[in-house]
């Protein structure tokens, strides 16, 4: 926004200090003058050298008062300028840091020394904002790089398949179509997952009352054929769990959790335990599976992470399942906790604010 150039805050404070000092001096001189007038007669006395009158007193008092006022003006302007500069010095550092951040330098910190006051609270809040912004930008850059890599893979495979078909016109097109269909389906799934992740990050949804237990039941029914195909048993328990949020996003959250628990399970006779309820943990999902070290678990919610290695499986997903779960949970002001089970597999707990309506 373009604004007309005005006086600086330092100059305004200087004039304010000087004006206040001049007003205080004028009031003091006025009080002295009124006090002196009480003891000085109005007319000309017989002996001028014995008792001065008000005219003589004014002649003696006015030059001294003018000198005092001039001194107060100079002292107020000079002292106010120095004092305002010292007081506004932290604001100058904050302004410089803001300009650096606007130019893309998010690693700079103000770190204003001294005891807590308004300026230092502002500087600390600005530093905390820069920390969050730097982490957010780094996360988005990393995510964009990973997304570009993941999207490039199916496109490169499609191009390779088309090049092979062009060089060999007599090749069976049925196999080519099937492989292209599988590659394109995976690219579409990845794109939809990226859109879902972006929607959750923006919190662009209408909040409503949702029974999480019904949402989980719908997700389980949808994924039950996949569980039966892989020999995984799903055990559900719980009660009505009213929460506030988006039913579509919460359904995606539950679907991703159940899908992740089914796919990353033991090859034979695995089990998934799902529980909903009112309390600290609105939803918990546990599954059997390979043993994971505690160091690996925090990275599972990062985009395109698939445990200890790439899962070469048609149902393995695109590596955004738990990242979407994390974003949806945070968008609903909740907390996601993931721990490695001692016997193998994961235990995931989702804490969501209960709906009081």
Protein backbone atom coordinates (compact mmCIF):
# COMPACT_ATOMS: atom_id res chain seq x y z
CA UNK A 1 0.00 0.00 0.00
CA UNK A 2 1.38 3.39 -1.03
CA UNK A 3 1.26 5.99 1.74
CA UNK A 4 2.29 9.63 1.91
CA UNK A 5 5.56 10.19 3.76
CA UNK A 6 4.98 11.44 7.31
CA UNK A 7 6.99 12.17 10.42
CA UNK A 8 8.95 9.31 11.88
CA UNK A 9 7.91 7.81 15.19
CA UNK A 10 11.19 8.98 16.70
CA UNK A 11 10.46 12.59 15.71
CA UNK A 12 6.92 12.33 17.03
CA UNK A 13 8.18 10.99 20.35
CA UNK A 14 10.84 13.73 20.49
CA UNK A 15 8.26 16.47 19.93
CA UNK A 16 5.97 14.84 22.47
CA UNK A 17 8.73 14.72 25.10
CA UNK A 18 9.77 18.33 24.40
CA UNK A 19 6.16 19.55 24.40
CA UNK A 20 5.43 17.81 27.67
CA UNK A 21 8.59 19.24 29.22
CA UNK A 22 7.71 22.74 27.99
CA UNK A 23 4.19 22.42 29.39
CA UNK A 24 5.52 21.24 32.74
CA UNK A 25 8.00 24.15 32.80
CA UNK A 26 5.30 26.68 31.89
CA UNK A 27 3.04 25.39 34.65
CA UNK A 28 5.90 25.54 37.14
CA UNK A 29 6.79 29.11 36.16
CA UNK A 30 3.14 30.10 36.33
CA UNK A 31 2.87 28.63 39.82
CA UNK A 32 5.99 30.52 40.93
CA UNK A 33 4.62 33.75 39.43
CA UNK A 34 1.26 33.39 41.16
CA UNK A 35 2.98 32.60 44.43
CA UNK A 36 5.19 35.70 44.16
CA UNK A 37 2.28 37.99 43.28
CA UNK A 38 0.63 37.23 46.59
CA UNK A 39 3.43 39.11 48.40
CA UNK A 40 4.00 42.01 46.01
CA UNK A 41 1.78 45.16 46.15
CA UNK A 42 -0.03 46.43 43.08
CA UNK A 43 0.91 50.17 43.13
CA UNK A 44 4.09 52.18 43.45
CA UNK A 45 5.31 52.23 47.05
CA UNK A 46 6.87 55.27 48.62
CA UNK A 47 10.25 53.61 48.96
CA UNK A 48 11.00 51.65 45.81
CA UNK A 49 14.19 50.29 47.20
CA UNK A 50 12.39 48.78 50.19
CA UNK A 51 9.57 46.81 48.50
CA UNK A 52 9.44 46.15 44.74
CA UNK A 53 6.11 46.24 42.96
CA UNK A 54 4.69 43.83 40.38
CA UNK A 55 5.92 45.77 37.39
CA UNK A 56 9.50 45.61 38.58
CA UNK A 57 9.06 41.95 39.48
CA UNK A 58 7.72 41.16 35.99
CA UNK A 59 10.65 42.95 34.40
CA UNK A 60 13.06 40.82 36.40
CA UNK A 61 11.12 37.57 36.16
CA UNK A 62 10.21 37.54 32.45
CA UNK A 63 13.78 37.30 31.00
CA UNK A 64 14.67 34.55 33.45
CA UNK A 65 11.48 32.67 32.59
CA UNK A 66 12.16 33.00 28.86
CA UNK A 67 15.70 31.70 29.35
CA UNK A 68 14.39 28.75 31.36
CA UNK A 69 11.80 27.93 28.70
CA UNK A 70 14.43 28.11 25.94
CA UNK A 71 16.69 25.79 27.93
CA UNK A 72 13.80 23.37 28.49
CA UNK A 73 12.99 23.41 24.76
CA UNK A 74 16.55 22.59 23.74
CA UNK A 75 16.96 20.08 26.54
CA UNK A 76 13.61 18.45 25.71
CA UNK A 77 14.37 18.17 21.99
CA UNK A 78 17.88 16.83 22.47
CA UNK A 79 17.04 14.55 25.36
CA UNK A 80 13.83 13.39 23.71
CA UNK A 81 15.68 12.54 20.48
CA UNK A 82 18.29 10.49 22.32
CA UNK A 83 15.74 8.83 24.59
CA UNK A 84 13.40 8.01 21.71
CA UNK A 85 16.30 6.54 19.75
CA UNK A 86 17.27 4.26 22.61
CA UNK A 87 13.68 3.17 23.17
CA UNK A 88 13.03 2.52 19.47
CA UNK A 89 16.31 0.70 18.82
CA UNK A 90 14.65 -2.74 19.27
CA UNK A 91 11.97 -1.72 16.77
CA UNK A 92 14.69 -0.94 14.24
CA UNK A 93 16.11 -4.45 14.64
CA UNK A 94 12.65 -5.95 14.23
CA UNK A 95 12.08 -3.88 11.08
CA UNK A 96 15.43 -5.01 9.62
CA UNK A 97 14.57 -8.64 10.36
CA UNK A 98 11.18 -8.18 8.71
CA UNK A 99 12.80 -6.83 5.56
CA UNK A 100 15.22 -9.77 5.48
CA UNK A 101 12.34 -12.22 5.88
CA UNK A 102 10.43 -10.45 3.09
CA UNK A 103 13.48 -10.97 0.86
CA UNK A 104 13.44 -14.71 1.55
CA UNK A 105 15.94 -15.00 4.42
CA UNK A 106 14.03 -16.99 7.04
CA UNK A 107 17.10 -18.21 8.94
CA UNK A 108 17.78 -14.78 10.51
CA UNK A 109 16.71 -14.32 14.14
CA UNK A 110 16.38 -11.09 16.16
CA UNK A 111 17.30 -12.57 19.56
CA UNK A 112 16.69 -9.27 21.33
CA UNK A 113 18.58 -9.15 24.67
CA UNK A 114 17.31 -7.64 27.89
CA UNK A 115 14.38 -8.12 30.19
CA UNK A 116 10.87 -8.78 28.96
CA UNK A 117 8.86 -5.82 27.72
CA UNK A 118 6.55 -5.10 24.79
CA UNK A 119 9.35 -4.90 22.22
CA UNK A 120 11.04 -8.06 23.44
CA UNK A 121 7.74 -9.95 23.45
CA UNK A 122 7.21 -8.80 19.87
CA UNK A 123 10.74 -9.87 18.91
CA UNK A 124 10.31 -13.29 20.55
CA UNK A 125 6.96 -13.77 18.80
CA UNK A 126 8.57 -12.77 15.49
CA UNK A 127 11.44 -15.23 16.03
CA UNK A 128 8.95 -18.01 16.81
CA UNK A 129 7.02 -17.14 13.65
CA UNK A 130 10.23 -17.30 11.60
CA UNK A 131 11.01 -20.73 13.05
CA UNK A 132 7.58 -22.01 12.04
CA UNK A 133 7.78 -20.39 8.62
CA UNK A 134 11.24 -21.82 7.95
CA UNK A 135 10.10 -25.31 8.93
CA UNK A 136 6.91 -24.92 6.90
CA UNK A 137 8.76 -23.74 3.79
CA UNK A 138 11.37 -26.48 4.14
CA UNK A 139 8.61 -29.07 4.50
CA UNK A 140 6.82 -27.77 1.41
CA UNK A 141 10.04 -27.71 -0.61
CA UNK A 142 10.81 -31.27 0.43
CA UNK A 143 7.23 -32.29 -0.32
CA UNK A 144 7.30 -30.62 -3.74
CA UNK A 145 10.57 -32.37 -4.59
CA UNK A 146 9.19 -35.75 -3.50
CA UNK A 147 5.89 -35.16 -5.32
CA UNK A 148 7.73 -34.22 -8.51
CA UNK A 149 9.81 -37.37 -8.24
CA UNK A 150 6.79 -39.58 -7.59
CA UNK A 151 4.79 -38.05 -10.45
CA UNK A 152 7.75 -38.29 -12.79
CA UNK A 153 8.05 -42.06 -12.27
CA UNK A 154 4.70 -43.12 -13.81
CA UNK A 155 5.10 -40.58 -16.61
CA UNK A 156 8.56 -41.96 -17.40
CA UNK A 157 7.21 -45.52 -17.38
CA UNK A 158 4.38 -44.52 -19.73
CA UNK A 159 6.83 -42.90 -22.13
CA UNK A 160 9.05 -45.99 -22.07
CA UNK A 161 6.10 -48.26 -22.82
CA UNK A 162 5.01 -46.05 -25.70
CA UNK A 163 8.55 -45.94 -27.11
CA UNK A 164 8.74 -49.73 -27.00
CA UNK A 165 5.38 -50.03 -28.74
CA UNK A 166 6.43 -47.56 -31.42
CA UNK A 167 9.62 -49.47 -32.16
CA UNK A 168 7.73 -52.78 -32.28
CA UNK A 169 4.40 -52.23 -34.08
CA UNK A 170 3.66 -55.98 -34.08
CA UNK A 171 3.72 -56.17 -30.28
CA UNK A 172 0.52 -57.26 -28.52
CA UNK A 173 -1.35 -54.05 -27.65
CA UNK A 174 -3.45 -55.74 -24.98
CA UNK A 175 -0.51 -56.09 -22.59
CA UNK A 176 0.57 -52.53 -23.36
CA UNK A 177 -2.89 -51.18 -22.59
CA UNK A 178 -3.04 -53.08 -19.31
CA UNK A 179 0.33 -51.77 -18.15
CA UNK A 180 -0.49 -48.22 -19.23
CA UNK A 181 -3.81 -48.46 -17.40
CA UNK A 182 -2.07 -49.56 -14.19
CA UNK A 183 0.53 -46.81 -14.44
CA UNK A 184 -2.06 -44.11 -15.14
CA UNK A 185 -4.26 -45.36 -12.30
CA UNK A 186 -1.37 -45.01 -9.91
CA UNK A 187 -0.66 -41.49 -11.21
CA UNK A 188 -4.32 -40.54 -10.73
CA UNK A 189 -4.29 -41.96 -7.19
CA UNK A 190 -1.19 -39.93 -6.40
CA UNK A 191 -2.74 -36.74 -7.80
CA UNK A 192 -5.93 -37.26 -5.79
CA UNK A 193 -3.87 -37.90 -2.67
CA UNK A 194 -1.93 -34.69 -3.23
CA UNK A 195 -5.19 -32.75 -3.64
CA UNK A 196 -6.56 -34.31 -0.46
CA UNK A 197 -3.40 -33.39 1.43
CA UNK A 198 -3.59 -29.81 0.15
CA UNK A 199 -7.25 -29.54 1.14
CA UNK A 200 -6.51 -30.76 4.66
CA UNK A 201 -3.60 -28.33 5.03
CA UNK A 202 -5.79 -25.38 3.99
CA UNK A 203 -8.60 -26.41 6.37
CA UNK A 204 -11.07 -25.55 3.63
CA UNK A 205 -14.01 -27.54 4.96
CA UNK A 206 -17.24 -26.98 6.86
CA UNK A 207 -17.37 -28.37 10.39
CA UNK A 208 -20.36 -30.48 11.37
CA UNK A 209 -21.28 -33.09 13.94
CA UNK A 210 -19.91 -36.48 12.89
CA UNK A 211 -20.18 -39.88 14.58
CA UNK A 212 -16.67 -41.23 14.18
CA UNK A 213 -17.78 -44.79 14.95
CA UNK A 214 -20.06 -44.80 11.88
CA UNK A 215 -17.28 -43.34 9.76
CA UNK A 216 -14.90 -46.10 10.87
CA UNK A 217 -17.58 -48.72 10.21
CA UNK A 218 -17.97 -47.44 6.64
CA UNK A 219 -14.21 -47.53 6.09
CA UNK A 220 -13.98 -51.10 7.41
CA UNK A 221 -16.82 -52.29 5.16
CA UNK A 222 -15.10 -50.75 2.14
CA UNK A 223 -11.75 -52.39 2.88
CA UNK A 224 -13.08 -55.74 4.12
CA UNK A 225 -12.60 -57.48 0.73
CA UNK A 226 -8.95 -56.38 0.69
CA UNK A 227 -8.48 -57.72 4.23
CA UNK A 228 -10.06 -61.06 3.30
CA UNK A 229 -7.89 -61.28 0.19
CA UNK A 230 -4.75 -60.80 2.27
CA UNK A 231 -5.90 -63.05 5.12
CA UNK A 232 -6.11 -60.23 7.66
CA UNK A 233 -8.68 -60.31 10.46
CA UNK A 234 -10.30 -57.01 11.50
CA UNK A 235 -11.63 -56.70 15.05
CA UNK A 236 -13.66 -53.59 15.87
CA UNK A 237 -14.99 -52.32 19.18
CA UNK A 238 -16.12 -49.08 20.73
CA UNK A 239 -19.08 -46.80 21.14
CA UNK A 240 -20.67 -43.73 19.63
CA UNK A 241 -17.97 -41.09 19.24
CA UNK A 242 -19.32 -37.62 18.34
CA UNK A 243 -16.70 -35.25 16.97
CA UNK A 244 -16.81 -32.01 15.03
CA UNK A 245 -15.31 -31.80 11.57
CA UNK A 246 -15.63 -32.84 7.95
CA UNK A 247 -17.22 -36.24 7.39
CA UNK A 248 -15.42 -36.67 4.06
CA UNK A 249 -12.01 -35.90 5.56
CA UNK A 250 -12.61 -38.06 8.64
CA UNK A 251 -13.70 -40.90 6.35
CA UNK A 252 -10.44 -40.46 4.42
CA UNK A 253 -8.54 -40.51 7.73
CA UNK A 254 -10.19 -43.74 8.86
CA UNK A 255 -9.81 -45.34 5.43
CA UNK A 256 -6.11 -44.52 5.28
CA UNK A 257 -5.49 -45.88 8.77
CA UNK A 258 -7.33 -49.13 8.12
CA UNK A 259 -5.76 -49.51 4.67
CA UNK A 260 -2.29 -48.92 6.11
CA UNK A 261 -2.94 -51.48 8.85
CA UNK A 262 -4.08 -54.10 6.33
CA UNK A 263 -1.34 -53.60 3.74
CA UNK A 264 1.58 -53.35 6.19
CA UNK A 265 0.64 -56.50 8.04
CA UNK A 266 2.00 -59.99 8.41
CA UNK A 267 1.75 -62.03 5.21
CA UNK A 268 -0.39 -64.69 6.85
CA UNK A 269 -3.12 -64.49 9.51
CA UNK A 270 -2.50 -60.89 10.48
CA UNK A 271 -4.86 -58.92 12.72
CA UNK A 272 -6.08 -55.34 12.87
CA UNK A 273 -7.67 -53.95 16.04
CA UNK A 274 -9.86 -50.85 15.72
CA UNK A 275 -11.45 -49.05 18.64
CA UNK A 276 -13.49 -45.85 18.93
CA UNK A 277 -14.70 -44.15 22.08
CA UNK A 278 -15.23 -40.96 24.02
CA UNK A 279 -12.09 -39.99 25.85
CA UNK A 280 -8.56 -38.87 25.18
CA UNK A 281 -8.26 -41.21 22.18
CA UNK A 282 -11.21 -41.03 19.80
CA UNK A 283 -9.77 -43.68 17.47
CA UNK A 284 -7.04 -46.28 17.86
CA UNK A 285 -5.83 -48.65 15.15
CA UNK A 286 -3.30 -51.40 15.87
CA UNK A 287 -1.97 -54.09 13.60
CA UNK A 288 0.44 -56.96 13.59
CA UNK A 289 3.39 -56.69 11.26
CA UNK A 290 7.14 -56.44 11.06
CA UNK A 291 9.04 -55.04 14.00
CA UNK A 292 9.99 -51.40 13.56
CA UNK A 293 12.66 -49.51 15.42
CA UNK A 294 11.51 -46.43 17.35
CA UNK A 295 13.76 -44.27 15.14
CA UNK A 296 11.77 -45.18 12.03
CA UNK A 297 8.31 -44.43 13.44
CA UNK A 298 8.43 -40.58 13.44
CA UNK A 299 9.32 -40.55 9.73
CA UNK A 300 6.24 -42.59 8.76
CA UNK A 301 4.05 -39.48 8.66
CA UNK A 302 6.40 -37.80 6.19
CA UNK A 303 5.17 -37.84 2.58
CA UNK A 304 6.23 -40.82 0.45
CA UNK A 305 7.56 -42.82 3.41
CA UNK A 306 6.67 -46.50 3.41
CA UNK A 307 8.26 -47.98 6.51
CA UNK A 308 11.58 -49.71 6.20
CA UNK A 309 11.47 -49.92 2.44
CA UNK A 310 9.45 -49.54 -0.72
CA UNK A 311 6.49 -51.86 -0.75
CA UNK A 312 6.13 -53.37 -4.21
CA UNK A 313 2.42 -54.11 -3.99
CA UNK A 314 -0.57 -53.09 -6.05
CA UNK A 315 -2.32 -52.01 -2.86
CA UNK A 316 0.65 -50.35 -1.18
CA UNK A 317 -0.55 -46.85 -2.02
CA UNK A 318 1.53 -43.86 -3.00
CA UNK A 319 3.25 -43.17 0.30
CA UNK A 320 0.90 -40.38 1.42
CA UNK A 321 -1.49 -42.34 3.63
CA UNK A 322 -0.16 -41.39 7.06
CA UNK A 323 0.88 -37.93 5.84
CA UNK A 324 -2.77 -37.29 4.94
CA UNK A 325 -3.88 -38.71 8.29
CA UNK A 326 -1.53 -36.33 10.08
CA UNK A 327 -2.74 -33.31 8.11
CA UNK A 328 -6.42 -34.18 8.63
CA UNK A 329 -5.84 -34.70 12.35
CA UNK A 330 -4.09 -31.33 12.73
CA UNK A 331 -6.78 -29.64 10.61
CA UNK A 332 -9.33 -30.89 13.17
CA UNK A 333 -7.20 -29.56 16.06
CA UNK A 334 -6.32 -33.10 17.07
CA UNK A 335 -3.18 -35.07 17.90
CA UNK A 336 -1.73 -38.12 16.15
CA UNK A 337 0.40 -40.59 18.09
CA UNK A 338 2.26 -43.49 16.46
CA UNK A 339 4.22 -46.11 18.39
CA UNK A 340 5.89 -49.35 17.40
CA UNK A 341 4.30 -52.40 19.05
CA UNK A 342 6.80 -54.65 20.84
CA UNK A 343 5.38 -57.70 19.06
CA UNK A 344 5.54 -56.00 15.67
CA UNK A 345 3.37 -53.61 13.74
CA UNK A 346 2.08 -50.20 14.74
CA UNK A 347 -0.25 -48.66 17.24
CA UNK A 348 -1.85 -45.42 16.06
CA UNK A 349 -4.02 -43.19 18.26
CA UNK A 350 -6.01 -40.19 17.06
CA UNK A 351 -7.15 -37.62 19.62
CA UNK A 352 -9.93 -35.30 18.45
CA UNK A 353 -11.94 -32.67 20.32
CA UNK A 354 -15.31 -34.08 21.30
CA UNK A 355 -18.45 -32.45 19.92
CA UNK A 356 -20.50 -30.84 22.70
CA UNK A 357 -23.54 -30.05 20.60
